Amino acid sequence: MSKRTKFGAVLLLSWLAATASATDVATLRNGFTIRHERRVQVGATTRLYLSATDQTSYVDIPTRKSTGLSRNLTPVADPPML
């Protein structure tokens, strides 16, 4: 397999992996939105994890300040061409 073919395969797999990872969006009562990878509700607080791999990157919000949660369907940008 040539280097060009391997590079193309790696690029394609990277793009597929990036588009497969969807995030959620929390909408707050003040109109702001927060994209997050996952959430955990503990009592009156919801913790929104901003990164799937970094467990220290999160935002705590009062659950009552959230008006809803939805799936982010925005397509991921194409990787830059080299």
N, C-alpha and C. Protein backbone atom coordinates (compact mmCIF):
# COMPACT_ATOMS: atom_id res chain seq x y z
N MET A 1 0.85 -1.17 0.00
CA MET A 1 0.00 0.00 0.00
C MET A 1 0.90 1.24 0.00
N SER A 2 0.60 2.17 -0.89
CA SER A 2 1.45 3.36 -1.00
C SER A 2 1.19 4.32 0.16
N LYS A 3 2.14 5.24 0.36
CA LYS A 3 2.00 6.24 1.42
C LYS A 3 0.77 7.11 1.18
N ARG A 4 0.52 7.42 -0.07
CA ARG A 4 -0.63 8.26 -0.41
C ARG A 4 -1.93 7.56 -0.04
N THR A 5 -2.04 6.28 -0.32
CA THR A 5 -3.23 5.51 0.02
C THR A 5 -3.41 5.42 1.53
N LYS A 6 -2.31 5.18 2.24
CA LYS A 6 -2.38 5.11 3.71
C LYS A 6 -2.83 6.44 4.29
N PHE A 7 -2.26 7.54 3.77
CA PHE A 7 -2.64 8.86 4.26
C PHE A 7 -4.12 9.12 4.01
N GLY A 8 -4.61 8.75 2.84
CA GLY A 8 -6.02 8.92 2.51
C GLY A 8 -6.92 8.12 3.43
N ALA A 9 -6.50 6.89 3.74
CA ALA A 9 -7.28 6.04 4.64
C ALA A 9 -7.32 6.63 6.05
N VAL A 10 -6.18 7.12 6.53
CA VAL A 10 -6.13 7.73 7.85
C VAL A 10 -6.99 8.99 7.89
N LEU A 11 -6.92 9.79 6.87
CA LEU A 11 -7.71 11.01 6.79
C LEU A 11 -9.21 10.69 6.78
N LEU A 12 -9.60 9.69 6.01
CA LEU A 12 -11.00 9.29 5.95
C LEU A 12 -11.49 8.77 7.30
N LEU A 13 -10.71 7.93 7.95
CA LEU A 13 -11.11 7.40 9.25
C LEU A 13 -11.19 8.50 10.31
N SER A 14 -10.28 9.45 10.25
CA SER A 14 -10.32 10.57 11.19
C SER A 14 -11.58 11.40 10.99
N TRP A 15 -11.91 11.65 9.75
CA TRP A 15 -13.11 12.43 9.44
C TRP A 15 -14.37 11.69 9.91
N LEU A 16 -14.44 10.38 9.67
CA LEU A 16 -15.59 9.61 10.11
C LEU A 16 -15.72 9.60 11.63
N ALA A 17 -14.61 9.49 12.32
CA ALA A 17 -14.64 9.51 13.79
C ALA A 17 -15.08 10.86 14.30
N ALA A 18 -14.65 11.92 13.67
CA ALA A 18 -15.03 13.27 14.11
C ALA A 18 -16.51 13.52 13.88
N THR A 19 -17.06 13.05 12.80
CA THR A 19 -18.48 13.28 12.52
C THR A 19 -19.36 12.36 13.36
N ALA A 20 -18.83 11.25 13.84
CA ALA A 20 -19.62 10.33 14.64
C ALA A 20 -19.80 10.83 16.07
N SER A 21 -18.91 11.68 16.53
CA SER A 21 -19.02 12.16 17.90
C SER A 21 -19.94 13.37 17.95
N ALA A 22 -21.12 13.16 18.48
CA ALA A 22 -22.09 14.24 18.58
C ALA A 22 -22.09 14.78 20.00
N THR A 23 -22.41 16.04 20.13
CA THR A 23 -22.50 16.65 21.44
C THR A 23 -23.95 17.02 21.72
N ASP A 24 -24.23 17.29 22.98
CA ASP A 24 -25.54 17.76 23.38
C ASP A 24 -25.45 19.25 23.65
N VAL A 25 -26.59 19.90 23.66
CA VAL A 25 -26.66 21.33 23.92
C VAL A 25 -27.66 21.56 25.04
N ALA A 26 -27.21 22.23 26.10
CA ALA A 26 -28.10 22.64 27.19
C ALA A 26 -28.50 24.09 26.93
N THR A 27 -29.80 24.36 26.96
CA THR A 27 -30.29 25.73 26.79
C THR A 27 -30.70 26.26 28.16
N LEU A 28 -30.16 27.42 28.49
CA LEU A 28 -30.44 28.03 29.79
C LEU A 28 -31.57 29.05 29.67
N ARG A 29 -32.18 29.38 30.78
CA ARG A 29 -33.30 30.33 30.80
C ARG A 29 -32.90 31.71 30.29
N ASN A 30 -31.63 32.09 30.42
CA ASN A 30 -31.18 33.41 29.96
C ASN A 30 -30.88 33.43 28.46
N GLY A 31 -31.08 32.29 27.77
CA GLY A 31 -30.87 32.23 26.33
C GLY A 31 -29.53 31.66 25.90
N PHE A 32 -28.61 31.54 26.82
CA PHE A 32 -27.30 30.98 26.48
C PHE A 32 -27.42 29.47 26.26
N THR A 33 -26.50 28.94 25.47
CA THR A 33 -26.42 27.50 25.27
C THR A 33 -25.01 27.02 25.62
N ILE A 34 -24.93 25.79 26.09
CA ILE A 34 -23.64 25.20 26.46
C ILE A 34 -23.55 23.83 25.78
N ARG A 35 -22.56 23.69 24.90
CA ARG A 35 -22.31 22.38 24.29
C ARG A 35 -21.55 21.52 25.30
N HIS A 36 -21.92 20.26 25.38
CA HIS A 36 -21.26 19.36 26.32
C HIS A 36 -21.31 17.93 25.79
N GLU A 37 -20.37 17.13 26.27
CA GLU A 37 -20.27 15.73 25.84
C GLU A 37 -21.20 14.81 26.64
N ARG A 38 -21.31 15.09 27.93
CA ARG A 38 -22.21 14.29 28.77
C ARG A 38 -22.61 15.12 29.97
N ARG A 39 -23.63 14.65 30.68
CA ARG A 39 -24.10 15.38 31.85
C ARG A 39 -24.45 14.40 32.95
N VAL A 40 -24.33 14.90 34.19
CA VAL A 40 -24.69 14.11 35.36
C VAL A 40 -25.51 15.02 36.27
N GLN A 41 -26.68 14.56 36.64
CA GLN A 41 -27.53 15.35 37.54
C GLN A 41 -27.39 14.80 38.95
N VAL A 42 -27.05 15.71 39.88
CA VAL A 42 -26.91 15.35 41.29
C VAL A 42 -27.77 16.33 42.08
N GLY A 43 -28.90 15.87 42.52
CA GLY A 43 -29.80 16.74 43.26
C GLY A 43 -30.27 17.90 42.41
N ALA A 44 -30.06 19.12 42.90
CA ALA A 44 -30.51 20.32 42.20
C ALA A 44 -29.46 20.88 41.24
N THR A 45 -28.36 20.17 41.05
CA THR A 45 -27.27 20.63 40.18
C THR A 45 -27.05 19.66 39.03
N THR A 46 -26.80 20.21 37.86
CA THR A 46 -26.44 19.40 36.70
C THR A 46 -25.02 19.76 36.32
N ARG A 47 -24.16 18.75 36.21
CA ARG A 47 -22.77 18.95 35.81
C ARG A 47 -22.65 18.60 34.33
N LEU A 48 -22.20 19.58 33.54
CA LEU A 48 -22.03 19.40 32.10
C LEU A 48 -20.54 19.23 31.81
N TYR A 49 -20.15 18.06 31.33
CA TYR A 49 -18.76 17.79 30.99
C TYR A 49 -18.50 18.28 29.58
N LEU A 50 -17.56 19.18 29.42
CA LEU A 50 -17.28 19.83 28.14
C LEU A 50 -16.41 18.98 27.22
N SER A 51 -15.71 18.02 27.78
CA SER A 51 -14.81 17.17 27.00
C SER A 51 -15.08 15.72 27.37
N ALA A 52 -15.01 14.85 26.38
CA ALA A 52 -15.22 13.43 26.63
C ALA A 52 -14.03 12.80 27.33
N THR A 53 -12.86 13.40 27.18
CA THR A 53 -11.65 12.79 27.74
C THR A 53 -11.15 13.49 29.00
N ASP A 54 -11.49 14.76 29.18
CA ASP A 54 -11.00 15.52 30.32
C ASP A 54 -12.09 15.63 31.39
N GLN A 55 -11.92 14.88 32.48
CA GLN A 55 -12.92 14.87 33.54
C GLN A 55 -12.88 16.11 34.42
N THR A 56 -11.90 16.99 34.22
CA THR A 56 -11.81 18.20 35.03
C THR A 56 -12.39 19.41 34.30
N SER A 57 -12.86 19.21 33.09
CA SER A 57 -13.43 20.30 32.30
C SER A 57 -14.95 20.19 32.33
N TYR A 58 -15.57 20.91 33.27
CA TYR A 58 -17.02 20.83 33.41
C TYR A 58 -17.58 22.15 33.92
N VAL A 59 -18.90 22.28 33.81
CA VAL A 59 -19.63 23.43 34.31
C VAL A 59 -20.79 22.90 35.14
N ASP A 60 -20.96 23.43 36.36
CA ASP A 60 -22.11 23.09 37.19
C ASP A 60 -23.16 24.17 37.03
N ILE A 61 -24.39 23.76 36.74
CA ILE A 61 -25.49 24.72 36.66
C ILE A 61 -26.64 24.23 37.52
N PRO A 62 -27.40 25.16 38.10
CA PRO A 62 -28.61 24.73 38.80
C PRO A 62 -29.57 24.12 37.77
N THR A 63 -30.09 22.95 38.05
CA THR A 63 -30.96 22.25 37.10
C THR A 63 -32.17 23.10 36.74
N ARG A 64 -32.68 23.88 37.66
CA ARG A 64 -33.87 24.70 37.40
C ARG A 64 -33.60 25.82 36.40
N LYS A 65 -32.32 26.15 36.15
CA LYS A 65 -31.97 27.21 35.19
C LYS A 65 -31.88 26.70 33.76
N SER A 66 -32.03 25.41 33.57
CA SER A 66 -31.99 24.83 32.24
C SER A 66 -33.42 24.70 31.70
N THR A 67 -33.62 25.14 30.47
CA THR A 67 -34.94 25.02 29.86
C THR A 67 -35.05 23.77 29.00
N GLY A 68 -33.93 23.16 28.68
CA GLY A 68 -34.01 21.96 27.88
C GLY A 68 -32.65 21.48 27.41
N LEU A 69 -32.65 20.25 26.95
CA LEU A 69 -31.45 19.62 26.41
C LEU A 69 -31.79 19.11 25.02
N SER A 70 -30.87 19.30 24.09
CA SER A 70 -31.11 18.81 22.74
C SER A 70 -29.81 18.28 22.16
N ARG A 71 -29.94 17.56 21.08
CA ARG A 71 -28.80 17.00 20.37
C ARG A 71 -28.25 18.04 19.41
N ASN A 72 -26.94 18.19 19.36
CA ASN A 72 -26.30 19.11 18.43
C ASN A 72 -26.17 18.41 17.08
N LEU A 73 -26.88 18.89 16.09
CA LEU A 73 -26.86 18.28 14.76
C LEU A 73 -26.03 19.06 13.76
N THR A 74 -25.25 20.03 14.25
CA THR A 74 -24.39 20.82 13.38
C THR A 74 -23.29 19.93 12.80
N PRO A 75 -23.14 19.89 11.49
CA PRO A 75 -22.09 19.04 10.92
C PRO A 75 -20.71 19.55 11.29
N VAL A 76 -19.81 18.62 11.44
CA VAL A 76 -18.42 18.95 11.76
C VAL A 76 -17.75 19.47 10.48
N ALA A 77 -16.93 20.49 10.62
CA ALA A 77 -16.23 21.05 9.47
C ALA A 77 -15.28 20.02 8.86
N ASP A 78 -15.12 20.12 7.56
CA ASP A 78 -14.18 19.21 6.88
C ASP A 78 -12.76 19.48 7.35
N PRO A 79 -11.93 18.44 7.45
CA PRO A 79 -10.53 18.66 7.84
C PRO A 79 -9.81 19.46 6.76
N PRO A 80 -8.80 20.23 7.14
CA PRO A 80 -8.08 21.03 6.15
C PRO A 80 -7.34 20.15 5.15
N MET A 81 -7.31 20.59 3.94
CA MET A 81 -6.59 19.86 2.89
C MET A 81 -5.11 20.21 2.96
N LEU A 82 -4.26 19.21 2.88
CA LEU A 82 -2.82 19.45 2.92
C LEU A 82 -2.24 19.48 1.55
